[in-house]
Amino acid sequence: MPPHIKALLSVACLATAAAGYAFMIHLGQSGPSYAVAFLGVFATAAMWVFPEVVKKDVKPTAPPK
């Protein structure tokens, strides 16, 4: 995935996590709000750390003669 796409997804993920955190604080749920914040940061970091799965087109080789 190109870095500029990954950066936009990171911003969207962190913004969603921040909105979820603020909503949980508004509801008075302090414990779940920490979980929402942690999972948002974790998901963003995982997107950058772990590589994207790419399938390789493997052609079968002929048996040796």
PDB file of N, CA and C in Angstrom:
ATOM      1  N   MET A   1       0.851  -1.171   0.000  1.00  0.00           N
ATOM      2  CA  MET A   1       0.000   0.000   0.000  1.00  0.00           C
ATOM      3  C   MET A   1       0.899   1.236   0.000  1.00  0.00           C
ATOM      4  N   PRO A   2       0.599   2.192  -0.847  1.00  0.00           N
ATOM      5  CA  PRO A   2       1.414   3.411  -0.890  1.00  0.00           C
ATOM      6  C   PRO A   2       1.364   4.164   0.444  1.00  0.00           C
ATOM      7  N   PRO A   3       2.477   4.801   0.796  1.00  0.00           N
ATOM      8  CA  PRO A   3       2.533   5.496   2.089  1.00  0.00           C
ATOM      9  C   PRO A   3       1.499   6.610   2.253  1.00  0.00           C
ATOM     10  N   HIS A   4       1.150   7.320   1.178  1.00  0.00           N
ATOM     11  CA  HIS A   4       0.176   8.405   1.339  1.00  0.00           C
ATOM     12  C   HIS A   4      -1.220   7.852   1.628  1.00  0.00           C
ATOM     13  N   ILE A   5      -1.544   6.691   1.084  1.00  0.00           N
ATOM     14  CA  ILE A   5      -2.824   6.053   1.396  1.00  0.00           C
ATOM     15  C   ILE A   5      -2.812   5.567   2.844  1.00  0.00           C
ATOM     16  N   LYS A   6      -1.689   4.978   3.246  1.00  0.00           N
ATOM     17  CA  LYS A   6      -1.553   4.487   4.620  1.00  0.00           C
ATOM     18  C   LYS A   6      -1.640   5.636   5.624  1.00  0.00           C
ATOM     19  N   ALA A   7      -1.089   6.787   5.260  1.00  0.00           N
ATOM     20  CA  ALA A   7      -1.149   7.955   6.147  1.00  0.00           C
ATOM     21  C   ALA A   7      -2.589   8.454   6.291  1.00  0.00           C
ATOM     22  N   LEU A   8      -3.335   8.479   5.183  1.00  0.00           N
ATOM     23  CA  LEU A   8      -4.735   8.901   5.260  1.00  0.00           C
ATOM     24  C   LEU A   8      -5.565   7.926   6.091  1.00  0.00           C
ATOM     25  N   LEU A   9      -5.319   6.637   5.928  1.00  0.00           N
ATOM     26  CA  LEU A   9      -6.017   5.645   6.743  1.00  0.00           C
ATOM     27  C   LEU A   9      -5.650   5.780   8.216  1.00  0.00           C
ATOM     28  N   SER A  10      -4.408   6.114   8.494  1.00  0.00           N
ATOM     29  CA  SER A  10      -3.974   6.316   9.876  1.00  0.00           C
ATOM     30  C   SER A  10      -4.703   7.486  10.513  1.00  0.00           C
ATOM     31  N   VAL A  11      -4.824   8.573   9.769  1.00  0.00           N
ATOM     32  CA  VAL A  11      -5.530   9.749  10.285  1.00  0.00           C
ATOM     33  C   VAL A  11      -6.995   9.404  10.540  1.00  0.00           C
ATOM     34  N   ALA A  12      -7.611   8.681   9.605  1.00  0.00           N
ATOM     35  CA  ALA A  12      -9.018   8.302   9.770  1.00  0.00           C
ATOM     36  C   ALA A  12      -9.198   7.371  10.971  1.00  0.00           C
ATOM     37  N   CYS A  13      -8.283   6.427  11.142  1.00  0.00           N
ATOM     38  CA  CYS A  13      -8.370   5.492  12.267  1.00  0.00           C
ATOM     39  C   CYS A  13      -8.205   6.223  13.600  1.00  0.00           C
ATOM     40  N   LEU A  14      -7.244   7.119  13.675  1.00  0.00           N
ATOM     41  CA  LEU A  14      -7.021   7.863  14.915  1.00  0.00           C
ATOM     42  C   LEU A  14      -8.165   8.830  15.205  1.00  0.00           C
ATOM     43  N   ALA A  15      -8.739   9.428  14.163  1.00  0.00           N
ATOM     44  CA  ALA A  15      -9.878  10.327  14.368  1.00  0.00           C
ATOM     45  C   ALA A  15     -11.095   9.555  14.874  1.00  0.00           C
ATOM     46  N   THR A  16     -11.314   8.374  14.325  1.00  0.00           N
ATOM     47  CA  THR A  16     -12.420   7.536  14.781  1.00  0.00           C
ATOM     48  C   THR A  16     -12.211   7.098  16.230  1.00  0.00           C
ATOM     49  N   ALA A  17     -10.978   6.720  16.567  1.00  0.00           N
ATOM     50  CA  ALA A  17     -10.685   6.322  17.947  1.00  0.00           C
ATOM     51  C   ALA A  17     -10.859   7.502  18.904  1.00  0.00           C
ATOM     52  N   ALA A  18     -10.454   8.685  18.480  1.00  0.00           N
ATOM     53  CA  ALA A  18     -10.618   9.877  19.327  1.00  0.00           C
ATOM     54  C   ALA A  18     -12.094  10.196  19.531  1.00  0.00           C
ATOM     55  N   ALA A  19     -12.898  10.051  18.475  1.00  0.00           N
ATOM     56  CA  ALA A  19     -14.334  10.293  18.608  1.00  0.00           C
ATOM     57  C   ALA A  19     -14.972   9.254  19.532  1.00  0.00           C
ATOM     58  N   GLY A  20     -14.553   7.999  19.401  1.00  0.00           N
ATOM     59  CA  GLY A  20     -15.069   6.958  20.288  1.00  0.00           C
ATOM     60  C   GLY A  20     -14.672   7.194  21.733  1.00  0.00           C
ATOM     61  N   TYR A  21     -13.436   7.639  21.934  1.00  0.00           N
ATOM     62  CA  TYR A  21     -12.959   7.954  23.283  1.00  0.00           C
ATOM     63  C   TYR A  21     -13.791   9.086  23.896  1.00  0.00           C
ATOM     64  N   ALA A  22     -14.005  10.148  23.106  1.00  0.00           N
ATOM     65  CA  ALA A  22     -14.778  11.293  23.608  1.00  0.00           C
ATOM     66  C   ALA A  22     -16.222  10.891  23.918  1.00  0.00           C
ATOM     67  N   PHE A  23     -16.784  10.041  23.070  1.00  0.00           N
ATOM     68  CA  PHE A  23     -18.161   9.588  23.297  1.00  0.00           C
ATOM     69  C   PHE A  23     -18.264   8.758  24.574  1.00  0.00           C
ATOM     70  N   MET A  24     -17.297   7.872  24.791  1.00  0.00           N
ATOM     71  CA  MET A  24     -17.321   7.039  26.000  1.00  0.00           C
ATOM     72  C   MET A  24     -17.119   7.894  27.253  1.00  0.00           C
ATOM     73  N   ILE A  25     -16.272   8.906  27.186  1.00  0.00           N
ATOM     74  CA  ILE A  25     -16.084   9.822  28.317  1.00  0.00           C
ATOM     75  C   ILE A  25     -17.383  10.588  28.568  1.00  0.00           C
ATOM     76  N   HIS A  26     -18.048  11.002  27.490  1.00  0.00           N
ATOM     77  CA  HIS A  26     -19.320  11.719  27.620  1.00  0.00           C
ATOM     78  C   HIS A  26     -20.366  10.850  28.323  1.00  0.00           C
ATOM     79  N   LEU A  27     -20.330   9.548  28.059  1.00  0.00           N
ATOM     80  CA  LEU A  27     -21.272   8.627  28.702  1.00  0.00           C
ATOM     81  C   LEU A  27     -20.867   8.290  30.138  1.00  0.00           C
ATOM     82  N   GLY A  28     -19.658   8.674  30.532  1.00  0.00           N
ATOM     83  CA  GLY A  28     -19.185   8.397  31.884  1.00  0.00           C
ATOM     84  C   GLY A  28     -18.515   7.046  32.034  1.00  0.00           C
ATOM     85  N   GLN A  29     -18.131   6.444  30.935  1.00  0.00           N
ATOM     86  CA  GLN A  29     -17.477   5.137  30.952  1.00  0.00           C
ATOM     87  C   GLN A  29     -15.961   5.336  30.817  1.00  0.00           C
ATOM     88  N   SER A  30     -15.259   5.388  31.925  1.00  0.00           N
ATOM     89  CA  SER A  30     -13.824   5.660  31.837  1.00  0.00           C
ATOM     90  C   SER A  30     -13.025   4.422  31.438  1.00  0.00           C
ATOM     91  N   GLY A  31     -13.401   3.241  31.912  1.00  0.00           N
ATOM     92  CA  GLY A  31     -12.670   2.019  31.574  1.00  0.00           C
ATOM     93  C   GLY A  31     -12.717   1.696  30.099  1.00  0.00           C
ATOM     94  N   PRO A  32     -13.919   1.602  29.508  1.00  0.00           N
ATOM     95  CA  PRO A  32     -13.989   1.316  28.066  1.00  0.00           C
ATOM     96  C   PRO A  32     -13.372   2.409  27.202  1.00  0.00           C
ATOM     97  N   SER A  33     -13.334   3.635  27.699  1.00  0.00           N
ATOM     98  CA  SER A  33     -12.743   4.702  26.892  1.00  0.00           C
ATOM     99  C   SER A  33     -11.241   4.475  26.714  1.00  0.00           C
ATOM    100  N   TYR A  34     -10.582   3.952  27.738  1.00  0.00           N
ATOM    101  CA  TYR A  34      -9.159   3.632  27.606  1.00  0.00           C
ATOM    102  C   TYR A  34      -8.946   2.505  26.607  1.00  0.00           C
ATOM    103  N   ALA A  35      -9.853   1.538  26.589  1.00  0.00           N
ATOM    104  CA  ALA A  35      -9.757   0.433  25.635  1.00  0.00           C
ATOM    105  C   ALA A  35      -9.920   0.955  24.211  1.00  0.00           C
ATOM    106  N   VAL A  36     -10.856   1.858  23.993  1.00  0.00           N
ATOM    107  CA  VAL A  36     -11.065   2.434  22.662  1.00  0.00           C
ATOM    108  C   VAL A  36      -9.815   3.190  22.214  1.00  0.00           C
ATOM    109  N   ALA A  37      -9.235   3.966  23.093  1.00  0.00           N
ATOM    110  CA  ALA A  37      -8.024   4.729  22.757  1.00  0.00           C
ATOM    111  C   ALA A  37      -6.863   3.786  22.446  1.00  0.00           C
ATOM    112  N   PHE A  38      -6.682   2.766  23.269  1.00  0.00           N
ATOM    113  CA  PHE A  38      -5.588   1.822  23.051  1.00  0.00           C
ATOM    114  C   PHE A  38      -5.754   1.078  21.736  1.00  0.00           C
ATOM    115  N   LEU A  39      -6.960   0.594  21.465  1.00  0.00           N
ATOM    116  CA  LEU A  39      -7.177  -0.175  20.242  1.00  0.00           C
ATOM    117  C   LEU A  39      -7.018   0.680  18.989  1.00  0.00           C
ATOM    118  N   GLY A  40      -7.383   1.939  19.054  1.00  0.00           N
ATOM    119  CA  GLY A  40      -7.172   2.830  17.909  1.00  0.00           C
ATOM    120  C   GLY A  40      -5.694   3.046  17.617  1.00  0.00           C
ATOM    121  N   VAL A  41      -4.913   3.275  18.660  1.00  0.00           N
ATOM    122  CA  VAL A  41      -3.468   3.454  18.483  1.00  0.00           C
ATOM    123  C   VAL A  41      -2.825   2.145  18.042  1.00  0.00           C
ATOM    124  N   PHE A  42      -3.264   1.024  18.617  1.00  0.00           N
ATOM    125  CA  PHE A  42      -2.709  -0.276  18.254  1.00  0.00           C
ATOM    126  C   PHE A  42      -2.993  -0.617  16.793  1.00  0.00           C
ATOM    127  N   ALA A  43      -4.210  -0.370  16.337  1.00  0.00           N
ATOM    128  CA  ALA A  43      -4.565  -0.660  14.949  1.00  0.00           C
ATOM    129  C   ALA A  43      -3.747   0.189  13.980  1.00  0.00           C
ATOM    130  N   THR A  44      -3.526   1.439  14.335  1.00  0.00           N
ATOM    131  CA  THR A  44      -2.732   2.322  13.484  1.00  0.00           C
ATOM    132  C   THR A  44      -1.276   1.860  13.434  1.00  0.00           C
ATOM    133  N   ALA A  45      -0.716   1.515  14.575  1.00  0.00           N
ATOM    134  CA  ALA A  45       0.666   1.033  14.606  1.00  0.00           C
ATOM    135  C   ALA A  45       0.808  -0.286  13.853  1.00  0.00           C
ATOM    136  N   ALA A  46      -0.161  -1.173  14.002  1.00  0.00           N
ATOM    137  CA  ALA A  46      -0.098  -2.464  13.319  1.00  0.00           C
ATOM    138  C   ALA A  46      -0.138  -2.292  11.806  1.00  0.00           C
ATOM    139  N   MET A  47      -0.866  -1.290  11.341  1.00  0.00           N
ATOM    140  CA  MET A  47      -0.934  -1.045   9.905  1.00  0.00           C
ATOM    141  C   MET A  47       0.445  -0.674   9.344  1.00  0.00           C
ATOM    142  N   TRP A  48       1.240   0.008  10.127  1.00  0.00           N
ATOM    143  CA  TRP A  48       2.566   0.423   9.668  1.00  0.00           C
ATOM    144  C   TRP A  48       3.621  -0.657   9.894  1.00  0.00           C
ATOM    145  N   VAL A  49       3.470  -1.462  10.948  1.00  0.00           N
ATOM    146  CA  VAL A  49       4.502  -2.438  11.292  1.00  0.00           C
ATOM    147  C   VAL A  49       4.408  -3.698  10.440  1.00  0.00           C
ATOM    148  N   PHE A  50       3.199  -4.228  10.300  1.00  0.00           N
ATOM    149  CA  PHE A  50       3.046  -5.510   9.615  1.00  0.00           C
ATOM    150  C   PHE A  50       2.840  -5.290   8.128  1.00  0.00           C
ATOM    151  N   PRO A  51       3.562  -6.068   7.300  1.00  0.00           N
ATOM    152  CA  PRO A  51       3.462  -5.863   5.850  1.00  0.00           C
ATOM    153  C   PRO A  51       2.129  -6.359   5.286  1.00  0.00           C
ATOM    154  N   GLU A  52       1.791  -5.809   4.148  1.00  0.00           N
ATOM    155  CA  GLU A  52       0.577  -6.217   3.457  1.00  0.00           C
ATOM    156  C   GLU A  52       0.828  -7.561   2.766  1.00  0.00           C
ATOM    157  N   VAL A  53      -0.147  -8.433   2.785  1.00  0.00           N
ATOM    158  CA  VAL A  53      -0.004  -9.738   2.161  1.00  0.00           C
ATOM    159  C   VAL A  53      -0.132  -9.577   0.649  1.00  0.00           C
ATOM    160  N   VAL A  54       0.862 -10.101  -0.071  1.00  0.00           N
ATOM    161  CA  VAL A  54       0.864 -10.028  -1.527  1.00  0.00           C
ATOM    162  C   VAL A  54       1.019 -11.441  -2.060  1.00  0.00           C
ATOM    163  N   LYS A  55       0.104 -11.835  -2.938  1.00  0.00           N
ATOM    164  CA  LYS A  55       0.205 -13.163  -3.547  1.00  0.00           C
ATOM    165  C   LYS A  55       1.144 -13.090  -4.743  1.00  0.00           C
ATOM    166  N   LYS A  56       2.008 -14.094  -4.837  1.00  0.00           N
ATOM    167  CA  LYS A  56       2.910 -14.182  -5.974  1.00  0.00           C
ATOM    168  C   LYS A  56       2.342 -15.197  -6.949  1.00  0.00           C
ATOM    169  N   ASP A  57       2.449 -14.875  -8.246  1.00  0.00           N
ATOM    170  CA  ASP A  57       1.998 -15.794  -9.272  1.00  0.00           C
ATOM    171  C   ASP A  57       3.111 -16.805  -9.512  1.00  0.00           C
ATOM    172  N   VAL A  58       2.933 -18.004  -9.000  1.00  0.00           N
ATOM    173  CA  VAL A  58       3.952 -19.037  -9.102  1.00  0.00           C
ATOM    174  C   VAL A  58       3.583 -19.956 -10.268  1.00  0.00           C
ATOM    175  N   LYS A  59       4.496 -20.035 -11.210  1.00  0.00           N
ATOM    176  CA  LYS A  59       4.269 -20.918 -12.349  1.00  0.00           C
ATOM    177  C   LYS A  59       4.885 -22.283 -12.019  1.00  0.00           C
ATOM    178  N   PRO A  60       4.177 -23.356 -12.339  1.00  0.00           N
ATOM    179  CA  PRO A  60       4.767 -24.665 -12.058  1.00  0.00           C
ATOM    180  C   PRO A  60       5.959 -24.914 -12.959  1.00  0.00           C
ATOM    181  N   THR A  61       6.972 -25.501 -12.388  1.00  0.00           N
ATOM    182  CA  THR A  61       8.186 -25.798 -13.156  1.00  0.00           C
ATOM    183  C   THR A  61       8.094 -27.204 -13.729  1.00  0.00           C
ATOM    184  N   ALA A  62       8.718 -27.366 -14.860  1.00  0.00           N
ATOM    185  CA  ALA A  62       8.728 -28.689 -15.503  1.00  0.00           C
ATOM    186  C   ALA A  62       9.683 -29.600 -14.746  1.00  0.00           C
ATOM    187  N   PRO A  63       9.344 -30.884 -14.627  1.00  0.00           N
ATOM    188  CA  PRO A  63      10.260 -31.805 -13.938  1.00  0.00           C
ATOM    189  C   PRO A  63      11.555 -31.976 -14.728  1.00  0.00           C
ATOM    190  N   PRO A  64      12.666 -32.175 -14.036  1.00  0.00           N
ATOM    191  CA  PRO A  64      13.959 -32.324 -14.741  1.00  0.00           C
ATOM    192  C   PRO A  64      13.969 -33.616 -15.578  1.00  0.00           C
ATOM    193  N   LYS A  65      14.682 -33.556 -16.691  1.00  0.00           N
ATOM    194  CA  LYS A  65      14.776 -34.737 -17.581  1.00  0.00           C
ATOM    195  C   LYS A  65      15.971 -35.587 -17.267  1.00  0.00           C
TER     196      LYS A  65
END
